Amino acid sequence: MARSPRPAPLWIWIVAAACFAVAALLQRDTLSQVLFGIAAVALAVTAVLQWRRRER
């Protein structure tokens, strides 16, 4: 039976979320701000889920 792949390290999700949040703040138009903001939130949620998964 094949092993499941290891999840990415938690710090990668945190850094990616922070980078997207900074990019959202630097955007001039509203659509780009919203899209980068959604990406930042999605990555932050992924980081929290990965962290909770490791706690178990």
C-alpha atoms as a PDB file:
ATOM      1  CA  MET A   1       0.000   0.000   0.000  1.00  0.00           C
ATOM      2  CA  ALA A   2       1.361   3.418  -0.939  1.00  0.00           C
ATOM      3  CA  ARG A   3       2.269   5.857   1.784  1.00  0.00           C
ATOM      4  CA  SER A   4       0.431   9.164   1.901  1.00  0.00           C
ATOM      5  CA  PRO A   5       2.622  12.170   1.093  1.00  0.00           C
ATOM      6  CA  ARG A   6       3.881  14.288   3.946  1.00  0.00           C
ATOM      7  CA  PRO A   7       2.088  17.613   4.332  1.00  0.00           C
ATOM      8  CA  ALA A   8       4.039  20.788   3.628  1.00  0.00           C
ATOM      9  CA  PRO A   9       5.775  22.379   6.618  1.00  0.00           C
ATOM     10  CA  LEU A  10       3.558  24.764   8.571  1.00  0.00           C
ATOM     11  CA  TRP A  11       5.845  27.751   8.103  1.00  0.00           C
ATOM     12  CA  ILE A  12       5.317  27.666   4.324  1.00  0.00           C
ATOM     13  CA  TRP A  13       1.564  28.253   4.765  1.00  0.00           C
ATOM     14  CA  ILE A  14       2.168  31.075   7.247  1.00  0.00           C
ATOM     15  CA  VAL A  15       4.710  32.859   5.040  1.00  0.00           C
ATOM     16  CA  ALA A  16       2.501  32.476   1.967  1.00  0.00           C
ATOM     17  CA  ALA A  17      -0.510  33.906   3.818  1.00  0.00           C
ATOM     18  CA  ALA A  18       1.570  36.860   5.017  1.00  0.00           C
ATOM     19  CA  CYS A  19       2.892  37.531   1.508  1.00  0.00           C
ATOM     20  CA  PHE A  20      -0.601  37.496   0.032  1.00  0.00           C
ATOM     21  CA  ALA A  21      -1.826  39.824   2.808  1.00  0.00           C
ATOM     22  CA  VAL A  22       0.962  42.299   2.069  1.00  0.00           C
ATOM     23  CA  ALA A  23       0.211  42.054  -1.663  1.00  0.00           C
ATOM     24  CA  ALA A  24      -3.452  42.801  -0.935  1.00  0.00           C
ATOM     25  CA  LEU A  25      -2.473  45.942   0.953  1.00  0.00           C
ATOM     26  CA  LEU A  26      -0.266  47.140  -1.903  1.00  0.00           C
ATOM     27  CA  GLN A  27      -2.915  46.805  -4.617  1.00  0.00           C
ATOM     28  CA  ARG A  28      -4.609  49.908  -5.999  1.00  0.00           C
ATOM     29  CA  ASP A  29      -7.843  48.490  -7.406  1.00  0.00           C
ATOM     30  CA  THR A  30     -10.510  46.897  -5.248  1.00  0.00           C
ATOM     31  CA  LEU A  31     -10.846  43.638  -7.170  1.00  0.00           C
ATOM     32  CA  SER A  32      -7.159  42.822  -6.756  1.00  0.00           C
ATOM     33  CA  GLN A  33      -7.324  43.685  -3.057  1.00  0.00           C
ATOM     34  CA  VAL A  34     -10.281  41.373  -2.573  1.00  0.00           C
ATOM     35  CA  LEU A  35      -8.734  38.507  -4.538  1.00  0.00           C
ATOM     36  CA  PHE A  36      -5.384  38.730  -2.744  1.00  0.00           C
ATOM     37  CA  GLY A  37      -7.244  39.025   0.561  1.00  0.00           C
ATOM     38  CA  ILE A  38      -9.238  35.876  -0.185  1.00  0.00           C
ATOM     39  CA  ALA A  39      -6.017  34.044  -1.040  1.00  0.00           C
ATOM     40  CA  ALA A  40      -4.430  35.216   2.223  1.00  0.00           C
ATOM     41  CA  VAL A  41      -7.420  34.043   4.258  1.00  0.00           C
ATOM     42  CA  ALA A  42      -7.502  30.695   2.449  1.00  0.00           C
ATOM     43  CA  LEU A  43      -3.829  30.090   3.180  1.00  0.00           C
ATOM     44  CA  ALA A  44      -4.263  31.145   6.805  1.00  0.00           C
ATOM     45  CA  VAL A  45      -7.144  28.696   7.204  1.00  0.00           C
ATOM     46  CA  THR A  46      -5.003  25.983   5.626  1.00  0.00           C
ATOM     47  CA  ALA A  47      -2.224  26.755   8.109  1.00  0.00           C
ATOM     48  CA  VAL A  48      -4.637  26.477  11.039  1.00  0.00           C
ATOM     49  CA  LEU A  49      -6.035  23.196   9.734  1.00  0.00           C
ATOM     50  CA  GLN A  50      -2.533  21.772   9.254  1.00  0.00           C
ATOM     51  CA  TRP A  51      -1.568  22.873  12.756  1.00  0.00           C
ATOM     52  CA  ARG A  52      -4.670  21.267  14.300  1.00  0.00           C
ATOM     53  CA  ARG A  53      -4.039  18.106  12.320  1.00  0.00           C
ATOM     54  CA  ARG A  54      -0.521  17.829  13.737  1.00  0.00           C
ATOM     55  CA  GLU A  55      -1.785  18.356  17.281  1.00  0.00           C
ATOM     56  CA  ARG A  56      -3.778  15.134  17.125  1.00  0.00           C
END
